[in-house]
Amino acid sequence: FAHQVVVSPDAHHICYCHSPSRFLWDFNGYTQREGLSASKRALVVPFLPSLRTFDFASAQRVDTWIATSRVVRQRIDKIYRRPSVIIPPPVNLHEFSPNGSGHDGYFLLLMRLVAWKRADIVIEACSRLGLPLVVAGDGRDDARLRPLAGPTVSFVGRVDGARKADLFARCAAFILPAIEDFGITPLEAMASGRPVIAVGKGGALDTVIPGLTGEFFAEQTVEGLLETLRCFKPDDYNPTVIRRHAASFGGEQFRKRIGDAVRAACQGRRAADGDVAATQVRAAWSAETYQQTAEVGT
């Protein structure tokens, strides 16, 4: 809702958008993902039309929209009918680095354990194939997921800092089963020099290069992931090349892209203001000329 702020008339309003509000524009999907009860949904539904109207009207006051990925740009266009430029969020390159001595053979799943992220797909697929899998993260779906795990799957809970970086650096590959708006964890894995196996939808399409930095599986199903895992060879991917790709999403590049976008927006605003001023001058000149002509005529 940050785009609803009212700025002064001479300010250029730039909105960096991670996604239009799912609560308003994907209400059914949002409430299912978040587990809202029927009674809570019923309380909100009568207010949705007016909230959507207000949100849409507010979006028209934004001068420049910036989206984090192609899927977010499509949403902004569809919901708000506004164009946008894409500037992906930055990955912290200083926090992650390649191991330098190879990987330890396990696959890594690191995320919030909630139903819509589909951790169950990865756990079931790795259990079926007998592949070692480390599940890092916590959430309300934890109790449901643990019984699905075979003997090759281990849960390590939530990790941060050095422990998180170490898990990324030593994994054979990072697996992303969730359809994310952008998704920073694939870039964290790539900053660690490790390939990514991701569902071929959402923000991963903007960050993973098949055959170079990882692979996609076509469908968000156990069978879809099984097909990719059976053919996947982690040693076919060059950690240096993967790290170099992640570096193109670093903080320095992000600052440059944002700076370029702001300058372009401001230049466009000045040009537009110049056009308006010129139009006003021409209008004033025309009015004055008309008045003088009228006076001569009398």
C-alpha atoms as a PDB file:
ATOM      1  CA  PHE A   1       0.000   0.000   0.000  1.00  0.00           C
ATOM      2  CA  ALA A   2       3.038   2.345   0.006  1.00  0.00           C
ATOM      3  CA  HIS A   3       2.098   3.692  -3.419  1.00  0.00           C
ATOM      4  CA  GLN A   4      -1.010   5.256  -1.859  1.00  0.00           C
ATOM      5  CA  VAL A   5       1.068   8.036  -0.301  1.00  0.00           C
ATOM      6  CA  VAL A   6       0.094  11.493  -1.540  1.00  0.00           C
ATOM      7  CA  VAL A   7       3.104  13.545  -2.647  1.00  0.00           C
ATOM      8  CA  SER A   8       3.378  17.234  -3.444  1.00  0.00           C
ATOM      9  CA  PRO A   9       2.424  18.267  -7.009  1.00  0.00           C
ATOM     10  CA  ASP A  10       6.026  19.061  -7.955  1.00  0.00           C
ATOM     11  CA  ALA A  11       7.396  15.677  -6.712  1.00  0.00           C
ATOM     12  CA  HIS A  12       8.053  12.752  -9.047  1.00  0.00           C
ATOM     13  CA  HIS A  13       6.577   9.638  -7.413  1.00  0.00           C
ATOM     14  CA  ILE A  14       8.563   6.437  -8.101  1.00  0.00           C
ATOM     15  CA  CYS A  15       7.198   3.140  -6.758  1.00  0.00           C
ATOM     16  CA  TYR A  16       9.478   0.085  -6.416  1.00  0.00           C
ATOM     17  CA  CYS A  17       6.903  -2.695  -6.397  1.00  0.00           C
ATOM     18  CA  HIS A  18       7.436  -6.267  -5.212  1.00  0.00           C
ATOM     19  CA  SER A  19       3.828  -7.072  -6.151  1.00  0.00           C
ATOM     20  CA  PRO A  20       0.399  -5.452  -6.190  1.00  0.00           C
ATOM     21  CA  SER A  21      -1.381  -6.413  -2.985  1.00  0.00           C
ATOM     22  CA  ARG A  22      -2.336 -10.089  -3.135  1.00  0.00           C
ATOM     23  CA  PHE A  23      -4.794  -9.463  -0.308  1.00  0.00           C
ATOM     24  CA  LEU A  24      -6.834  -7.265  -2.668  1.00  0.00           C
ATOM     25  CA  TRP A  25      -6.211  -8.654  -6.136  1.00  0.00           C
ATOM     26  CA  ASP A  26      -5.768 -12.387  -5.450  1.00  0.00           C
ATOM     27  CA  PHE A  27      -7.988 -12.651  -2.404  1.00  0.00           C
ATOM     28  CA  ASN A  28      -8.953 -16.306  -2.788  1.00  0.00           C
ATOM     29  CA  GLY A  29      -5.400 -17.444  -3.414  1.00  0.00           C
ATOM     30  CA  TYR A  30      -4.062 -15.285  -0.584  1.00  0.00           C
ATOM     31  CA  THR A  31      -6.581 -16.527   2.002  1.00  0.00           C
ATOM     32  CA  GLN A  32      -5.989 -20.147   1.027  1.00  0.00           C
ATOM     33  CA  ARG A  33      -2.212 -19.753   1.301  1.00  0.00           C
ATOM     34  CA  GLU A  34      -2.469 -17.989   4.662  1.00  0.00           C
ATOM     35  CA  GLY A  35      -5.121 -20.334   6.053  1.00  0.00           C
ATOM     36  CA  LEU A  36      -7.772 -17.690   6.837  1.00  0.00           C
ATOM     37  CA  SER A  37     -11.004 -19.136   8.157  1.00  0.00           C
ATOM     38  CA  ALA A  38     -14.325 -18.776   6.317  1.00  0.00           C
ATOM     39  CA  SER A  39     -15.610 -16.397   8.982  1.00  0.00           C
ATOM     40  CA  LYS A  40     -12.634 -14.066   8.581  1.00  0.00           C
ATOM     41  CA  ARG A  41     -12.966 -14.132   4.807  1.00  0.00           C
ATOM     42  CA  ALA A  42     -16.657 -13.275   5.093  1.00  0.00           C
ATOM     43  CA  LEU A  43     -15.841 -10.199   7.183  1.00  0.00           C
ATOM     44  CA  VAL A  44     -13.478  -8.831   4.531  1.00  0.00           C
ATOM     45  CA  VAL A  45     -15.289  -9.630   1.274  1.00  0.00           C
ATOM     46  CA  PRO A  46     -17.846  -6.741   1.464  1.00  0.00           C
ATOM     47  CA  PHE A  47     -15.007  -4.204   1.657  1.00  0.00           C
ATOM     48  CA  LEU A  48     -12.974  -5.557  -1.283  1.00  0.00           C
ATOM     49  CA  PRO A  49     -14.653  -3.554  -4.113  1.00  0.00           C
ATOM     50  CA  SER A  50     -14.094  -0.191  -2.418  1.00  0.00           C
ATOM     51  CA  LEU A  51     -10.558  -1.128  -1.347  1.00  0.00           C
ATOM     52  CA  ARG A  52      -9.685  -2.197  -4.887  1.00  0.00           C
ATOM     53  CA  THR A  53     -11.137   1.010  -6.316  1.00  0.00           C
ATOM     54  CA  PHE A  54      -9.083   3.120  -3.917  1.00  0.00           C
ATOM     55  CA  ASP A  55      -5.940   1.068  -4.607  1.00  0.00           C
ATOM     56  CA  PHE A  56      -6.360   1.387  -8.383  1.00  0.00           C
ATOM     57  CA  ALA A  57      -6.938   5.138  -8.143  1.00  0.00           C
ATOM     58  CA  SER A  58      -3.835   5.529  -5.980  1.00  0.00           C
ATOM     59  CA  ALA A  59      -1.768   3.604  -8.517  1.00  0.00           C
ATOM     60  CA  GLN A  60      -2.618   6.175 -11.188  1.00  0.00           C
ATOM     61  CA  ARG A  61      -0.866   8.906  -9.166  1.00  0.00           C
ATOM     62  CA  VAL A  62       2.485   7.098  -9.374  1.00  0.00           C
ATOM     63  CA  ASP A  63       4.680   8.652 -12.057  1.00  0.00           C
ATOM     64  CA  THR A  64       7.134   5.762 -12.526  1.00  0.00           C
ATOM     65  CA  TRP A  65       6.620   2.100 -11.690  1.00  0.00           C
ATOM     66  CA  ILE A  66       9.573  -0.233 -11.128  1.00  0.00           C
ATOM     67  CA  ALA A  67       8.931  -3.999 -10.994  1.00  0.00           C
ATOM     68  CA  THR A  68      11.227  -6.637  -9.510  1.00  0.00           C
ATOM     69  CA  SER A  69      10.637  -9.229 -12.247  1.00  0.00           C
ATOM     70  CA  ARG A  70       8.741  -9.967 -15.433  1.00  0.00           C
ATOM     71  CA  VAL A  71       5.875 -11.611 -13.554  1.00  0.00           C
ATOM     72  CA  VAL A  72       5.469  -8.523 -11.344  1.00  0.00           C
ATOM     73  CA  ARG A  73       5.590  -6.261 -14.407  1.00  0.00           C
ATOM     74  CA  GLN A  74       2.766  -8.310 -15.942  1.00  0.00           C
ATOM     75  CA  ARG A  75       0.689  -7.896 -12.768  1.00  0.00           C
ATOM     76  CA  ILE A  76       1.225  -4.129 -12.661  1.00  0.00           C
ATOM     77  CA  ASP A  77       0.148  -3.905 -16.289  1.00  0.00           C
ATOM     78  CA  LYS A  78      -2.915  -6.123 -15.803  1.00  0.00           C
ATOM     79  CA  ILE A  79      -4.128  -4.712 -12.473  1.00  0.00           C
ATOM     80  CA  TYR A  80      -3.135  -1.053 -12.648  1.00  0.00           C
ATOM     81  CA  ARG A  81      -2.888  -0.668 -16.457  1.00  0.00           C
ATOM     82  CA  ARG A  82       0.491   0.993 -15.997  1.00  0.00           C
ATOM     83  CA  PRO A  83       3.837   0.301 -17.705  1.00  0.00           C
ATOM     84  CA  SER A  84       6.899  -0.446 -15.578  1.00  0.00           C
ATOM     85  CA  VAL A  85      10.618  -1.061 -15.871  1.00  0.00           C
ATOM     86  CA  ILE A  86      12.312  -4.079 -14.280  1.00  0.00           C
ATOM     87  CA  ILE A  87      15.072  -3.681 -11.699  1.00  0.00           C
ATOM     88  CA  PRO A  88      15.714  -6.902  -9.744  1.00  0.00           C
ATOM     89  CA  PRO A  89      16.512  -6.733  -6.008  1.00  0.00           C
ATOM     90  CA  PRO A  90      20.190  -7.130  -5.049  1.00  0.00           C
ATOM     91  CA  VAL A  91      21.854 -10.186  -3.560  1.00  0.00           C
ATOM     92  CA  ASN A  92      24.431  -9.668  -0.819  1.00  0.00           C
ATOM     93  CA  LEU A  93      27.566 -10.937  -2.544  1.00  0.00           C
ATOM     94  CA  HIS A  94      29.727 -10.360   0.538  1.00  0.00           C
ATOM     95  CA  GLU A  95      27.705 -12.834   2.601  1.00  0.00           C
ATOM     96  CA  PHE A  96      28.149 -15.772   0.220  1.00  0.00           C
ATOM     97  CA  SER A  97      31.110 -17.289  -1.586  1.00  0.00           C
ATOM     98  CA  PRO A  98      32.020 -20.567  -3.353  1.00  0.00           C
ATOM     99  CA  ASN A  99      33.403 -23.358  -1.208  1.00  0.00           C
ATOM    100  CA  GLY A 100      36.525 -23.886  -3.300  1.00  0.00           C
ATOM    101  CA  SER A 101      36.749 -27.587  -2.458  1.00  0.00           C
ATOM    102  CA  GLY A 102      33.650 -28.981  -4.134  1.00  0.00           C
ATOM    103  CA  HIS A 103      30.270 -29.945  -2.734  1.00  0.00           C
ATOM    104  CA  ASP A 104      29.163 -32.466  -0.131  1.00  0.00           C
ATOM    105  CA  GLY A 105      26.553 -34.186  -2.311  1.00  0.00           C
ATOM    106  CA  TYR A 106      23.353 -33.091  -0.552  1.00  0.00           C
ATOM    107  CA  PHE A 107      20.523 -31.056  -2.037  1.00  0.00           C
ATOM    108  CA  LEU A 108      19.338 -28.017  -0.130  1.00  0.00           C
ATOM    109  CA  LEU A 109      15.812 -26.763   0.504  1.00  0.00           C
ATOM    110  CA  LEU A 110      15.813 -23.464   2.392  1.00  0.00           C
ATOM    111  CA  MET A 111      12.530 -21.608   2.887  1.00  0.00           C
ATOM    112  CA  ARG A 112       9.609 -20.824   5.149  1.00  0.00           C
ATOM    113  CA  LEU A 113       7.768 -24.083   5.657  1.00  0.00           C
ATOM    114  CA  VAL A 114       4.280 -23.046   4.559  1.00  0.00           C
ATOM    115  CA  ALA A 115       1.993 -25.045   2.297  1.00  0.00           C
ATOM    116  CA  TRP A 116       1.999 -22.788  -0.783  1.00  0.00           C
ATOM    117  CA  LYS A 117       5.788 -22.984  -1.153  1.00  0.00           C
ATOM    118  CA  ARG A 118       5.435 -26.743  -1.835  1.00  0.00           C
ATOM    119  CA  ALA A 119       8.352 -28.101   0.166  1.00  0.00           C
ATOM    120  CA  ASP A 120       6.480 -31.420   0.114  1.00  0.00           C
ATOM    121  CA  ILE A 121       7.356 -31.841  -3.571  1.00  0.00           C
ATOM    122  CA  VAL A 122      11.086 -31.787  -2.841  1.00  0.00           C
ATOM    123  CA  ILE A 123      10.878 -33.977   0.252  1.00  0.00           C
ATOM    124  CA  GLU A 124       8.850 -36.652  -1.541  1.00  0.00           C
ATOM    125  CA  ALA A 125      11.012 -36.592  -4.683  1.00  0.00           C
ATOM    126  CA  CYS A 126      14.311 -36.886  -2.801  1.00  0.00           C
ATOM    127  CA  SER A 127      12.871 -39.587  -0.542  1.00  0.00           C
ATOM    128  CA  ARG A 128      11.781 -41.648  -3.534  1.00  0.00           C
ATOM    129  CA  LEU A 129      15.191 -41.404  -5.199  1.00  0.00           C
ATOM    130  CA  GLY A 130      17.142 -41.843  -1.981  1.00  0.00           C
ATOM    131  CA  LEU A 131      18.914 -38.507  -2.463  1.00  0.00           C
ATOM    132  CA  PRO A 132      20.332 -36.664   0.549  1.00  0.00           C
ATOM    133  CA  LEU A 133      18.298 -33.536   1.294  1.00  0.00           C
ATOM    134  CA  VAL A 134      18.788 -30.883   3.966  1.00  0.00           C
ATOM    135  CA  VAL A 135      15.632 -28.942   4.845  1.00  0.00           C
ATOM    136  CA  ALA A 136      16.417 -25.589   6.441  1.00  0.00           C
ATOM    137  CA  GLY A 137      13.629 -23.380   7.726  1.00  0.00           C
ATOM    138  CA  ASP A 138      10.616 -23.386   9.999  1.00  0.00           C
ATOM    139  CA  GLY A 139       6.920 -22.651   9.711  1.00  0.00           C
ATOM    140  CA  ARG A 140       3.423 -23.887  10.358  1.00  0.00           C
ATOM    141  CA  ASP A 141       3.767 -26.732   7.803  1.00  0.00           C
ATOM    142  CA  ASP A 142       6.698 -28.341   9.650  1.00  0.00           C
ATOM    143  CA  ALA A 143       4.610 -30.985  11.440  1.00  0.00           C
ATOM    144  CA  ARG A 144       2.922 -32.081   8.209  1.00  0.00           C
ATOM    145  CA  LEU A 145       6.194 -32.316   6.267  1.00  0.00           C
ATOM    146  CA  ARG A 146       8.272 -34.412   8.659  1.00  0.00           C
ATOM    147  CA  PRO A 147       6.252 -37.657   8.206  1.00  0.00           C
ATOM    148  CA  LEU A 148       6.806 -37.368   4.441  1.00  0.00           C
ATOM    149  CA  ALA A 149      10.583 -37.542   4.825  1.00  0.00           C
ATOM    150  CA  GLY A 150      12.570 -40.685   4.129  1.00  0.00           C
ATOM    151  CA  PRO A 151      15.847 -41.615   5.866  1.00  0.00           C
ATOM    152  CA  THR A 152      17.925 -39.427   3.516  1.00  0.00           C
ATOM    153  CA  VAL A 153      16.099 -36.228   4.521  1.00  0.00           C
ATOM    154  CA  SER A 154      17.185 -34.158   7.527  1.00  0.00           C
ATOM    155  CA  PHE A 155      15.572 -31.076   9.089  1.00  0.00           C
ATOM    156  CA  VAL A 156      17.932 -28.500  10.591  1.00  0.00           C
ATOM    157  CA  GLY A 157      15.481 -25.724  11.472  1.00  0.00           C
ATOM    158  CA  ARG A 158      15.923 -22.061  10.733  1.00  0.00           C
ATOM    159  CA  VAL A 159      19.448 -20.980   9.812  1.00  0.00           C
ATOM    160  CA  ASP A 160      21.053 -17.579   9.355  1.00  0.00           C
ATOM    161  CA  GLY A 161      24.450 -15.979   8.865  1.00  0.00           C
ATOM    162  CA  ALA A 162      27.488 -18.215   8.601  1.00  0.00           C
ATOM    163  CA  ARG A 163      25.483 -21.432   8.967  1.00  0.00           C
ATOM    164  CA  LYS A 164      23.233 -20.462   6.072  1.00  0.00           C
ATOM    165  CA  ALA A 165      26.192 -19.472   3.881  1.00  0.00           C
ATOM    166  CA  ASP A 166      27.939 -22.763   4.676  1.00  0.00           C
ATOM    167  CA  LEU A 167      24.887 -24.830   3.701  1.00  0.00           C
ATOM    168  CA  PHE A 168      24.664 -23.004   0.383  1.00  0.00           C
ATOM    169  CA  ALA A 169      28.383 -23.356  -0.361  1.00  0.00           C
ATOM    170  CA  ARG A 170      28.526 -27.121   0.316  1.00  0.00           C
ATOM    171  CA  CYS A 171      25.278 -28.276  -1.337  1.00  0.00           C
ATOM    172  CA  ALA A 172      25.186 -30.129  -4.654  1.00  0.00           C
ATOM    173  CA  ALA A 173      22.332 -27.857  -5.720  1.00  0.00           C
ATOM    174  CA  PHE A 174      19.653 -25.641  -4.249  1.00  0.00           C
ATOM    175  CA  ILE A 175      16.044 -26.587  -5.048  1.00  0.00           C
ATOM    176  CA  LEU A 176      13.247 -24.010  -5.342  1.00  0.00           C
ATOM    177  CA  PRO A 177       9.761 -25.535  -5.706  1.00  0.00           C
ATOM    178  CA  ALA A 178       7.867 -22.295  -4.943  1.00  0.00           C
ATOM    179  CA  ILE A 179       6.549 -19.926  -7.596  1.00  0.00           C
ATOM    180  CA  GLU A 180       8.035 -16.688  -6.307  1.00  0.00           C
ATOM    181  CA  ASP A 181       7.524 -13.092  -7.433  1.00  0.00           C
ATOM    182  CA  PHE A 182      11.306 -12.834  -7.622  1.00  0.00           C
ATOM    183  CA  GLY A 183      13.045 -15.074  -5.074  1.00  0.00           C
ATOM    184  CA  ILE A 184      16.386 -14.061  -3.583  1.00  0.00           C
ATOM    185  CA  THR A 185      17.463 -17.541  -2.377  1.00  0.00           C
ATOM    186  CA  PRO A 186      18.367 -18.807  -5.874  1.00  0.00           C
ATOM    187  CA  LEU A 187      20.760 -15.869  -6.206  1.00  0.00           C
ATOM    188  CA  GLU A 188      22.222 -16.610  -2.771  1.00  0.00           C
ATOM    189  CA  ALA A 189      22.899 -20.166  -3.940  1.00  0.00           C
ATOM    190  CA  MET A 190      24.467 -18.889  -7.162  1.00  0.00           C
ATOM    191  CA  ALA A 191      26.554 -16.348  -5.235  1.00  0.00           C
ATOM    192  CA  SER A 192      27.878 -19.439  -3.433  1.00  0.00           C
ATOM    193  CA  GLY A 193      28.768 -20.995  -6.793  1.00  0.00           C
ATOM    194  CA  ARG A 194      26.049 -23.643  -6.635  1.00  0.00           C
ATOM    195  CA  PRO A 195      23.485 -24.484  -9.341  1.00  0.00           C
ATOM    196  CA  VAL A 196      19.733 -24.105  -8.824  1.00  0.00           C
ATOM    197  CA  ILE A 197      16.892 -26.466  -9.700  1.00  0.00           C
ATOM    198  CA  ALA A 198      13.700 -24.387  -9.839  1.00  0.00           C
ATOM    199  CA  VAL A 199      10.145 -24.705 -11.048  1.00  0.00           C
ATOM    200  CA  GLY A 200      10.058 -22.961 -14.411  1.00  0.00           C
ATOM    201  CA  LYS A 201       7.636 -20.236 -13.412  1.00  0.00           C
ATOM    202  CA  GLY A 202       7.694 -16.894 -11.620  1.00  0.00           C
ATOM    203  CA  GLY A 203      10.814 -14.940 -10.740  1.00  0.00           C
ATOM    204  CA  ALA A 204      13.198 -17.871 -11.266  1.00  0.00           C
ATOM    205  CA  LEU A 205      12.782 -17.331 -15.006  1.00  0.00           C
ATOM    206  CA  ASP A 206      14.671 -14.048 -14.576  1.00  0.00           C
ATOM    207  CA  THR A 207      17.621 -15.475 -12.634  1.00  0.00           C
ATOM    208  CA  VAL A 208      18.270 -19.118 -13.595  1.00  0.00           C
ATOM    209  CA  ILE A 209      19.924 -19.918 -16.933  1.00  0.00           C
ATOM    210  CA  PRO A 210      19.273 -23.568 -17.880  1.00  0.00           C
ATOM    211  CA  GLY A 211      22.433 -25.512 -18.617  1.00  0.00           C
ATOM    212  CA  LEU A 212      24.637 -22.767 -17.170  1.00  0.00           C
ATOM    213  CA  THR A 213      23.472 -21.839 -13.643  1.00  0.00           C
ATOM    214  CA  GLY A 214      20.903 -24.569 -13.076  1.00  0.00           C
ATOM    215  CA  GLU A 215      17.827 -26.262 -14.493  1.00  0.00           C
ATOM    216  CA  PHE A 216      14.035 -25.908 -14.506  1.00  0.00           C
ATOM    217  CA  PHE A 217      11.382 -28.524 -13.894  1.00  0.00           C
ATOM    218  CA  ALA A 218       8.249 -27.851 -15.917  1.00  0.00           C
ATOM    219  CA  GLU A 219       5.453 -28.672 -13.502  1.00  0.00           C
ATOM    220  CA  GLN A 220       5.105 -27.963  -9.780  1.00  0.00           C
ATOM    221  CA  THR A 221       4.667 -31.667  -9.022  1.00  0.00           C
ATOM    222  CA  VAL A 222       6.687 -34.528  -7.576  1.00  0.00           C
ATOM    223  CA  GLU A 223       6.809 -36.195 -10.993  1.00  0.00           C
ATOM    224  CA  GLY A 224       8.046 -33.009 -12.639  1.00  0.00           C
ATOM    225  CA  LEU A 225      10.903 -32.669 -10.162  1.00  0.00           C
ATOM    226  CA  LEU A 226      11.747 -36.391 -10.323  1.00  0.00           C
ATOM    227  CA  GLU A 227      12.348 -36.130 -14.057  1.00  0.00           C
ATOM    228  CA  THR A 228      14.865 -33.303 -13.594  1.00  0.00           C
ATOM    229  CA  LEU A 229      16.616 -34.870 -10.586  1.00  0.00           C
ATOM    230  CA  ARG A 230      17.197 -38.142 -12.435  1.00  0.00           C
ATOM    231  CA  CYS A 231      19.160 -36.316 -15.149  1.00  0.00           C
ATOM    232  CA  PHE A 232      20.858 -33.734 -12.951  1.00  0.00           C
ATOM    233  CA  LYS A 233      24.670 -33.842 -12.634  1.00  0.00           C
ATOM    234  CA  PRO A 234      25.956 -31.152 -10.234  1.00  0.00           C
ATOM    235  CA  ASP A 235      29.549 -31.390 -11.474  1.00  0.00           C
ATOM    236  CA  ASP A 236      28.476 -30.206 -14.935  1.00  0.00           C
ATOM    237  CA  TYR A 237      28.188 -26.629 -13.632  1.00  0.00           C
ATOM    238  CA  ASN A 238      31.125 -24.253 -13.207  1.00  0.00           C
ATOM    239  CA  PRO A 239      31.065 -22.457  -9.799  1.00  0.00           C
ATOM    240  CA  THR A 240      33.062 -19.521 -11.187  1.00  0.00           C
ATOM    241  CA  VAL A 241      30.586 -18.977 -14.024  1.00  0.00           C
ATOM    242  CA  ILE A 242      27.640 -19.281 -11.642  1.00  0.00           C
ATOM    243  CA  ARG A 243      29.156 -16.791  -9.208  1.00  0.00           C
ATOM    244  CA  ARG A 244      29.853 -14.350 -12.056  1.00  0.00           C
ATOM    245  CA  HIS A 245      26.200 -14.543 -13.089  1.00  0.00           C
ATOM    246  CA  ALA A 246      25.059 -13.832  -9.522  1.00  0.00           C
ATOM    247  CA  ALA A 247      27.391 -10.820  -9.426  1.00  0.00           C
ATOM    248  CA  SER A 248      25.299  -9.172 -12.138  1.00  0.00           C
ATOM    249  CA  PHE A 249      22.564  -8.939  -9.476  1.00  0.00           C
ATOM    250  CA  GLY A 250      24.870  -7.400  -6.848  1.00  0.00           C
ATOM    251  CA  GLY A 251      24.380  -4.234  -4.837  1.00  0.00           C
ATOM    252  CA  GLU A 252      26.593  -2.084  -7.063  1.00  0.00           C
ATOM    253  CA  GLN A 253      24.572  -2.993 -10.147  1.00  0.00           C
ATOM    254  CA  PHE A 254      21.330  -2.405  -8.261  1.00  0.00           C
ATOM    255  CA  ARG A 255      22.398   1.073  -7.180  1.00  0.00           C
ATOM    256  CA  LYS A 256      23.397   1.935 -10.739  1.00  0.00           C
ATOM    257  CA  ARG A 257      20.102   0.715 -12.181  1.00  0.00           C
ATOM    258  CA  ILE A 258      18.073   2.597  -9.571  1.00  0.00           C
ATOM    259  CA  GLY A 259      20.155   5.724 -10.116  1.00  0.00           C
ATOM    260  CA  ASP A 260      19.684   5.490 -13.887  1.00  0.00           C
ATOM    261  CA  ALA A 261      15.929   5.016 -13.433  1.00  0.00           C
ATOM    262  CA  VAL A 262      15.652   8.015 -11.112  1.00  0.00           C
ATOM    263  CA  ARG A 263      17.668  10.220 -13.462  1.00  0.00           C
ATOM    264  CA  ALA A 264      15.615   9.117 -16.452  1.00  0.00           C
ATOM    265  CA  ALA A 265      12.398   9.787 -14.532  1.00  0.00           C
ATOM    266  CA  CYS A 266      13.559  13.240 -13.454  1.00  0.00           C
ATOM    267  CA  GLN A 267      14.725  14.112 -16.969  1.00  0.00           C
ATOM    268  CA  GLY A 268      11.390  12.979 -18.309  1.00  0.00           C
ATOM    269  CA  ARG A 269       9.629  15.117 -15.711  1.00  0.00           C
ATOM    270  CA  ARG A 270      11.715  18.171 -16.633  1.00  0.00           C
ATOM    271  CA  ALA A 271      11.031  17.571 -20.318  1.00  0.00           C
ATOM    272  CA  ALA A 272       7.309  17.248 -19.602  1.00  0.00           C
ATOM    273  CA  ASP A 273       7.379  20.400 -17.473  1.00  0.00           C
ATOM    274  CA  GLY A 274       9.179  22.146 -20.325  1.00  0.00           C
ATOM    275  CA  ASP A 275       6.496  21.030 -22.772  1.00  0.00           C
ATOM    276  CA  VAL A 276       3.781  22.301 -20.436  1.00  0.00           C
ATOM    277  CA  ALA A 277       5.599  25.622 -19.950  1.00  0.00           C
ATOM    278  CA  ALA A 278       6.050  26.025 -23.705  1.00  0.00           C
ATOM    279  CA  THR A 279       2.382  25.281 -24.254  1.00  0.00           C
ATOM    280  CA  GLN A 280       1.440  27.878 -21.635  1.00  0.00           C
ATOM    281  CA  VAL A 281       3.728  30.454 -23.271  1.00  0.00           C
ATOM    282  CA  ARG A 282       2.224  29.728 -26.682  1.00  0.00           C
ATOM    283  CA  ALA A 283      -1.263  29.972 -25.243  1.00  0.00           C
ATOM    284  CA  ALA A 284      -0.464  33.252 -23.507  1.00  0.00           C
ATOM    285  CA  TRP A 285       1.150  34.610 -26.706  1.00  0.00           C
ATOM    286  CA  SER A 286      -1.846  33.562 -28.769  1.00  0.00           C
ATOM    287  CA  ALA A 287      -4.227  35.211 -26.329  1.00  0.00           C
ATOM    288  CA  GLU A 288      -2.184  38.434 -26.325  1.00  0.00           C
ATOM    289  CA  THR A 289      -1.972  38.448 -30.125  1.00  0.00           C
ATOM    290  CA  TYR A 290      -5.703  37.889 -30.380  1.00  0.00           C
ATOM    291  CA  GLN A 291      -6.376  40.758 -27.992  1.00  0.00           C
ATOM    292  CA  GLN A 292      -4.059  43.112 -29.954  1.00  0.00           C
ATOM    293  CA  THR A 293      -5.665  42.096 -33.222  1.00  0.00           C
ATOM    294  CA  ALA A 294      -9.089  42.697 -31.746  1.00  0.00           C
ATOM    295  CA  GLU A 295      -8.016  46.147 -30.530  1.00  0.00           C
ATOM    296  CA  VAL A 296      -6.677  47.079 -33.995  1.00  0.00           C
ATOM    297  CA  GLY A 297      -9.886  45.894 -35.569  1.00  0.00           C
ATOM    298  CA  THR A 298     -11.928  48.236 -33.397  1.00  0.00           C
END
